[in-house]
């Protein structure tokens, strides 16, 4: 199983061909934007079996990605068929099965003392704000 993650939505991080891939996004919440990731499941690039991962429509706030990842892996362990690889499991079920499983992560409460950490990105001390600029891969 390969897990790939990039803050950038472009393909350089190869998140779209990982077993489980994440790319950076911003999600709307009652208190403004929160740093988040979009999730792709079931990608592959080995043994001549190249597949683009299936996009799950639930954006996961960045601080909750470790919990979401554990939930996806535990679901796979509990529901796979004997010997079934993750890429085949994800393809068999489709992304729609994972959306209700991850729904709890889509909700971010009002901005207050209990939720402030979801509004702040990793290693930052101020509230998240999406900033767009020229990326290193821009020509």
Protein backbone atom coordinates (compact mmCIF):
# COMPACT_ATOMS: atom_id res chain seq x y z
CA UNK A 1 0.00 0.00 0.00
CA UNK A 2 1.29 3.44 -0.95
CA UNK A 3 0.12 6.64 0.73
CA UNK A 4 1.02 9.91 -0.97
CA UNK A 5 0.24 13.40 0.22
CA UNK A 6 0.90 16.85 -1.16
CA UNK A 7 -0.35 20.28 -0.25
CA UNK A 8 -0.54 20.99 -3.97
CA UNK A 9 -3.49 19.81 -6.10
CA UNK A 10 -1.26 19.34 -9.15
CA UNK A 11 0.00 15.86 -9.99
CA UNK A 12 3.63 16.28 -8.92
CA UNK A 13 3.00 14.54 -5.59
CA UNK A 14 1.40 11.62 -7.45
CA UNK A 15 -1.43 11.47 -4.91
CA UNK A 16 -3.83 10.38 -7.65
CA UNK A 17 -2.00 7.09 -8.30
CA UNK A 18 -1.46 6.16 -4.64
CA UNK A 19 -3.44 3.49 -2.84
CA UNK A 20 -4.53 6.36 -0.60
CA UNK A 21 -3.75 9.86 -1.82
CA UNK A 22 -4.32 13.31 -0.38
CA UNK A 23 -3.95 16.70 -2.03
CA UNK A 24 -4.33 20.09 -0.43
CA UNK A 25 -7.57 22.03 -0.52
CA UNK A 26 -9.52 24.56 1.49
CA UNK A 27 -12.85 23.73 3.07
CA UNK A 28 -15.61 26.10 4.09
CA UNK A 29 -16.59 26.19 7.74
CA UNK A 30 -18.81 28.48 9.81
CA UNK A 31 -15.77 30.47 11.01
CA UNK A 32 -14.12 30.77 7.58
CA UNK A 33 -11.80 28.51 5.63
CA UNK A 34 -9.96 25.57 7.11
CA UNK A 35 -6.94 23.81 5.62
CA UNK A 36 -8.11 20.48 4.24
CA UNK A 37 -7.28 17.61 1.93
CA UNK A 38 -9.16 15.86 -0.82
CA UNK A 39 -8.93 12.08 -0.70
CA UNK A 40 -8.30 9.61 -3.54
CA UNK A 41 -8.59 5.85 -3.03
CA UNK A 42 -7.47 2.85 -5.06
CA UNK A 43 -4.80 4.29 -7.32
CA UNK A 44 -1.98 2.08 -8.56
CA UNK A 45 1.26 2.30 -10.51
CA UNK A 46 2.81 -1.13 -10.04
CA UNK A 47 3.01 -4.31 -12.08
CA UNK A 48 1.50 -2.76 -15.21
CA UNK A 49 -1.71 -1.94 -13.33
CA UNK A 50 -1.92 1.83 -13.56
CA UNK A 51 -5.08 3.34 -12.09
CA UNK A 52 -6.19 6.79 -11.10
CA UNK A 53 -7.61 6.81 -7.59
CA UNK A 54 -11.30 7.44 -7.06
CA UNK A 55 -12.07 10.83 -5.50
CA UNK A 56 -14.06 10.79 -2.29
CA UNK A 57 -16.21 13.92 -2.13
CA UNK A 58 -15.57 14.55 1.57
CA UNK A 59 -12.84 17.11 2.28
CA UNK A 60 -10.92 16.23 5.43
CA UNK A 61 -9.59 19.08 7.61
CA UNK A 62 -5.81 18.79 7.72
CA UNK A 63 -5.60 18.27 11.48
CA UNK A 64 -8.02 15.34 11.20
CA UNK A 65 -6.24 13.51 8.37
CA UNK A 66 -4.49 11.03 10.73
CA UNK A 67 -7.87 10.02 12.21
CA UNK A 68 -9.48 9.73 8.77
CA UNK A 69 -6.60 7.62 7.46
CA UNK A 70 -6.89 5.23 10.42
CA UNK A 71 -10.63 4.94 9.86
CA UNK A 72 -10.20 4.07 6.17
CA UNK A 73 -7.52 1.46 6.92
CA UNK A 74 -9.56 -0.10 9.75
CA UNK A 75 -12.60 -0.27 7.45
CA UNK A 76 -10.49 -2.02 4.82
CA UNK A 77 -9.10 -4.50 7.35
CA UNK A 78 -12.59 -5.33 8.64
CA UNK A 79 -14.37 -5.58 5.27
CA UNK A 80 -11.91 -6.85 2.65
CA UNK A 81 -12.19 -10.22 1.05
CA UNK A 82 -9.40 -12.73 1.78
CA UNK A 83 -6.23 -11.59 0.00
CA UNK A 84 -7.92 -8.51 -1.49
CA UNK A 85 -5.53 -5.64 -2.15
CA UNK A 86 -6.64 -2.15 -1.19
CA UNK A 87 -6.85 -0.92 -4.79
CA UNK A 88 -9.30 -3.70 -5.64
CA UNK A 89 -11.25 -3.16 -2.43
CA UNK A 90 -11.66 0.56 -3.22
CA UNK A 91 -12.69 -0.20 -6.81
CA UNK A 92 -15.19 -2.84 -5.71
CA UNK A 93 -16.88 -0.55 -3.19
CA UNK A 94 -16.55 2.77 -5.01
CA UNK A 95 -15.99 6.17 -3.41
CA UNK A 96 -19.64 6.53 -2.37
CA UNK A 97 -19.18 3.91 0.36
CA UNK A 98 -16.42 5.96 1.96
CA UNK A 99 -18.33 9.26 2.00
CA UNK A 100 -20.65 8.38 4.92
CA UNK A 101 -17.72 6.71 6.67
CA UNK A 102 -15.84 10.03 6.57
CA UNK A 103 -18.83 12.37 7.00
CA UNK A 104 -17.88 13.19 10.60
CA UNK A 105 -14.71 14.85 9.31
CA UNK A 106 -16.58 17.23 6.99
CA UNK A 107 -18.20 19.12 9.85
CA UNK A 108 -16.14 21.84 11.48
CA UNK A 109 -17.84 23.75 14.24
CA UNK A 110 -18.12 27.47 14.80
CA UNK A 111 -14.80 29.19 15.40
CA UNK A 112 -14.21 29.13 19.16
CA UNK A 113 -11.67 27.91 21.72
CA UNK A 114 -12.60 24.26 21.20
CA UNK A 115 -12.33 24.35 17.39
CA UNK A 116 -9.58 26.91 16.78
CA UNK A 117 -6.96 24.23 16.04
CA UNK A 118 -8.95 23.04 13.02
CA UNK A 119 -8.77 26.59 11.65
CA UNK A 120 -4.97 26.69 11.97
CA UNK A 121 -2.69 24.72 9.65
CA UNK A 122 0.11 22.44 10.87
CA UNK A 123 3.11 24.34 12.28
CA UNK A 124 1.27 27.68 12.05
CA UNK A 125 0.04 30.04 14.74
CA UNK A 126 -2.52 32.11 12.82
CA UNK A 127 -5.91 31.31 11.32
CA UNK A 128 -5.68 29.70 7.87
CA UNK A 129 -6.22 31.80 4.77
CA UNK A 130 -5.95 30.40 1.27
CA UNK A 131 -3.28 32.23 -0.66
CA UNK A 132 -2.69 31.62 -4.31
CA UNK A 133 0.46 32.51 -6.08
CA UNK A 134 2.81 31.27 -8.69
CA UNK A 135 3.89 27.75 -7.83
CA UNK A 136 7.32 26.31 -8.39
CA UNK A 137 6.00 24.32 -11.33
CA UNK A 138 4.35 27.30 -13.05
CA UNK A 139 5.89 28.18 -16.38
